C-alpha atoms as a PDB file:
ATOM      1  CA  MET A   1      79.222 -41.455  16.699  1.00  0.00           C
ATOM      2  CA  ASP A   2      75.950 -43.234  16.127  1.00  0.00           C
ATOM      3  CA  PHE A   3      74.664 -44.197  19.241  1.00  0.00           C
ATOM      4  CA  GLY A   4      71.971 -46.949  17.821  1.00  0.00           C
ATOM      5  CA  LEU A   5      69.724 -44.693  16.836  1.00  0.00           C
ATOM      6  CA  THR A   6      67.706 -45.986  13.548  1.00  0.00           C
ATOM      7  CA  PHE A   7      65.049 -43.950  10.954  1.00  0.00           C
ATOM      8  CA  GLU A   8      62.113 -45.552  13.819  1.00  0.00           C
ATOM      9  CA  LYS A   9      63.543 -45.115  17.015  1.00  0.00           C
ATOM     10  CA  LEU A  10      64.099 -41.030  15.954  1.00  0.00           C
ATOM     11  CA  LEU A  11      60.763 -41.260  14.125  1.00  0.00           C
ATOM     12  CA  LEU A  12      59.381 -42.149  17.195  1.00  0.00           C
ATOM     13  CA  ILE A  13      61.214 -39.667  19.803  1.00  0.00           C
ATOM     14  CA  GLY A  14      59.609 -36.879  16.834  1.00  0.00           C
ATOM     15  CA  VAL A  15      56.101 -37.942  17.847  1.00  0.00           C
ATOM     16  CA  VAL A  16      57.307 -38.339  21.357  1.00  0.00           C
ATOM     17  CA  ALA A  17      58.024 -34.900  21.661  1.00  0.00           C
ATOM     18  CA  VAL A  18      54.722 -33.680  19.196  1.00  0.00           C
ATOM     19  CA  LEU A  19      52.966 -34.986  21.681  1.00  0.00           C
ATOM     20  CA  ILE A  20      54.476 -34.367  25.124  1.00  0.00           C
ATOM     21  CA  VAL A  21      54.848 -30.369  24.024  1.00  0.00           C
ATOM     22  CA  GLY A  22      52.544 -29.890  21.940  1.00  0.00           C
ATOM     23  CA  PRO A  23      52.679 -28.665  17.793  1.00  0.00           C
ATOM     24  CA  GLU A  24      52.496 -24.861  18.586  1.00  0.00           C
ATOM     25  CA  ARG A  25      56.077 -25.203  20.510  1.00  0.00           C
ATOM     26  CA  LEU A  26      57.838 -28.045  18.672  1.00  0.00           C
ATOM     27  CA  PRO A  27      59.515 -26.095  16.516  1.00  0.00           C
ATOM     28  CA  ALA A  28      60.843 -22.397  18.700  1.00  0.00           C
ATOM     29  CA  LEU A  29      62.386 -26.239  20.849  1.00  0.00           C
ATOM     30  CA  ALA A  30      63.688 -27.660  17.857  1.00  0.00           C
ATOM     31  CA  GLU A  31      65.257 -24.310  16.625  1.00  0.00           C
ATOM     32  CA  LYS A  32      67.384 -24.249  20.293  1.00  0.00           C
ATOM     33  CA  PHE A  33      68.471 -27.764  19.617  1.00  0.00           C
ATOM     34  CA  ALA A  34      69.977 -27.226  16.926  1.00  0.00           C
ATOM     35  CA  LYS A  35      71.399 -24.246  18.441  1.00  0.00           C
ATOM     36  CA  PHE A  36      73.155 -26.708  21.081  1.00  0.00           C
ATOM     37  CA  VAL A  37      74.269 -29.390  18.345  1.00  0.00           C
ATOM     38  CA  ARG A  38      76.311 -26.325  16.922  1.00  0.00           C
ATOM     39  CA  GLN A  39      77.629 -24.332  19.748  1.00  0.00           C
ATOM     40  CA  ALA A  40      78.616 -28.103  21.494  1.00  0.00           C
ATOM     41  CA  GLY A  41      80.461 -28.782  17.535  1.00  0.00           C
ATOM     42  CA  GLU A  42      82.231 -25.297  17.505  1.00  0.00           C
ATOM     43  CA  TYR A  43      83.387 -26.160  21.554  1.00  0.00           C
ATOM     44  CA  ILE A  44      84.636 -29.780  20.517  1.00  0.00           C
ATOM     45  CA  ARG A  45      86.499 -27.713  17.099  1.00  0.00           C
ATOM     46  CA  ASP A  46      87.736 -25.076  19.969  1.00  0.00           C
ATOM     47  CA  THR A  47      89.732 -27.759  21.844  1.00  0.00           C
ATOM     48  CA  LYS A  48      90.720 -29.944  19.756  1.00  0.00           C
ATOM     49  CA  GLY A  49      92.530 -26.763  18.822  1.00  0.00           C
ATOM     50  CA  ARG A  50      93.941 -25.980  21.899  1.00  0.00           C
ATOM     51  CA  MET A  51      95.506 -29.306  22.391  1.00  0.00           C
ATOM     52  CA  ARG A  52      97.146 -28.965  19.215  1.00  0.00           C
ATOM     53  CA  GLU A  53      98.551 -25.410  20.224  1.00  0.00           C
ATOM     54  CA  GLU A  54     100.180 -27.070  23.285  1.00  0.00           C
ATOM     55  CA  MET A  55     100.704 -30.078  22.322  1.00  0.00           C
ATOM     56  CA  GLY A  56     102.390 -29.618  19.352  1.00  0.00           C
ATOM     57  CA  PRO A  57     102.913 -31.536  16.687  1.00  0.00           C
ATOM     58  CA  GLU A  58     103.130 -34.953  17.565  1.00  0.00           C
ATOM     59  CA  ILE A  59      99.495 -35.421  18.918  1.00  0.00           C
ATOM     60  CA  ASP A  60      99.174 -36.669  15.472  1.00  0.00           C
ATOM     61  CA  ASP A  61     101.550 -39.243  17.160  1.00  0.00           C
ATOM     62  CA  ILE A  62     100.163 -40.158  18.963  1.00  0.00           C
ATOM     63  CA  ASP A  63      97.923 -43.779  18.837  1.00  0.00           C
ATOM     64  CA  TRP A  64      94.491 -42.250  20.716  1.00  0.00           C
ATOM     65  CA  ARG A  65      93.356 -46.868  19.558  1.00  0.00           C
ATOM     66  CA  LYS A  66      95.361 -47.403  22.057  1.00  0.00           C
ATOM     67  CA  LEU A  67      94.510 -45.208  24.468  1.00  0.00           C
ATOM     68  CA  ASP A  68      90.884 -46.942  23.977  1.00  0.00           C
ATOM     69  CA  PRO A  69      89.462 -48.138  27.627  1.00  0.00           C
ATOM     70  CA  ARG A  70      87.482 -49.892  25.474  1.00  0.00           C
ATOM     71  CA  GLN A  71      90.157 -51.947  24.188  1.00  0.00           C
ATOM     72  CA  TYR A  72      91.334 -53.104  28.536  1.00  0.00           C
ATOM     73  CA  ASP A  73      90.180 -57.211  28.322  1.00  0.00           C
ATOM     74  CA  PRO A  74      91.465 -58.839  31.606  1.00  0.00           C
ATOM     75  CA  ARG A  75      91.344 -62.605  29.679  1.00  0.00           C
ATOM     76  CA  ARG A  76      93.450 -61.159  27.001  1.00  0.00           C
ATOM     77  CA  ILE A  77      95.235 -59.460  28.905  1.00  0.00           C
ATOM     78  CA  ILE A  78      95.934 -62.077  31.442  1.00  0.00           C
ATOM     79  CA  ARG A  79      95.648 -64.657  28.971  1.00  0.00           C
ATOM     80  CA  GLU A  80      99.562 -63.061  26.842  1.00  0.00           C
ATOM     81  CA  ALA A  81     101.123 -62.530  30.272  1.00  0.00           C
ATOM     82  CA  LEU A  82     100.102 -66.653  31.101  1.00  0.00           C
ATOM     83  CA  LEU A  83     102.091 -66.944  27.631  1.00  0.00           C
ATOM     84  CA  ASP A  84     104.701 -65.454  27.825  1.00  0.00           C
ATOM     85  CA  GLU A  85     108.085 -67.062  28.187  1.00  0.00           C
ATOM     86  CA  PRO A  86     108.973 -65.904  31.853  1.00  0.00           C
ATOM     87  CA  THR A  87     112.430 -64.220  32.255  1.00  0.00           C
ATOM     88  CA  PRO A  88     114.601 -64.407  35.039  1.00  0.00           C
ATOM     89  CA  GLN A  89     114.781 -61.211  37.676  1.00  0.00           C
ATOM     90  CA  HIS A  90     118.154 -61.600  38.005  1.00  0.00           C
ATOM     91  CA  PRO A  91     120.175 -64.143  37.014  1.00  0.00           C
ATOM     92  CA  PRO A  92     121.465 -66.571  39.697  1.00  0.00           C
ATOM     93  CA  ARG A  93     125.340 -66.188  40.774  1.00  0.00           C
ATOM     94  CA  ARG A  94     127.559 -68.700  41.127  1.00  0.00           C
ATOM     95  CA  GLN A  95     129.039 -67.546  43.094  1.00  0.00           C
ATOM     96  CA  GLN A  96     126.107 -66.846  45.806  1.00  0.00           C
ATOM     97  CA  ALA A  97     125.481 -70.066  46.415  1.00  0.00           C
ATOM     98  CA  LEU A  98     129.499 -70.672  47.679  1.00  0.00           C
ATOM     99  CA  ARG A  99     129.095 -68.197  49.315  1.00  0.00           C
ATOM    100  CA  ARG A 100     126.319 -69.434  51.882  1.00  0.00           C
ATOM    101  CA  PRO A 101     127.469 -70.408  55.378  1.00  0.00           C
ATOM    102  CA  PRO A 102     127.314 -74.174  55.484  1.00  0.00           C
ATOM    103  CA  PRO A 103     123.869 -75.242  57.238  1.00  0.00           C
ATOM    104  CA  SER A 104     124.290 -75.478  61.112  1.00  0.00           C
ATOM    105  CA  PRO A 105     124.642 -79.039  61.990  1.00  0.00           C
ATOM    106  CA  ARG A 106     121.516 -80.377  64.362  1.00  0.00           C
ATOM    107  CA  PRO A 107     121.441 -81.011  68.133  1.00  0.00           C
ATOM    108  CA  ARG A 108     122.837 -84.437  68.968  1.00  0.00           C
ATOM    109  CA  PRO A 109     120.610 -86.172  71.594  1.00  0.00           C
ATOM    110  CA  ARG A 110     121.544 -85.749  74.727  1.00  0.00           C
ATOM    111  CA  GLN A 111     122.552 -89.521  76.617  1.00  0.00           C
ATOM    112  CA  PRO A 112     121.108 -90.160  79.791  1.00  0.00           C
END
């Protein structure tokens, strides 16, 4: 994951951290941060391993990019829906059209 961090941004974060935390406590905090990153990596690897154990070999067949919510584009979905040829839900049935009762005659106006 990139997070959009460049070398200049990381250097600026380091300078601000030195100014806020102070040079005496910075090595201890950097060590704690490195430990946290290692533990987070182990947690992610363990979670992936458990998923593979529980789901079996089918997990490798899943197209994860297709399930990515960032791929959801409502404009594309609507465009594709409008461009698709409509398929009739139920084909018209001739017998139903023949079975309909004829329209009732209009009432005649009363003569005085």
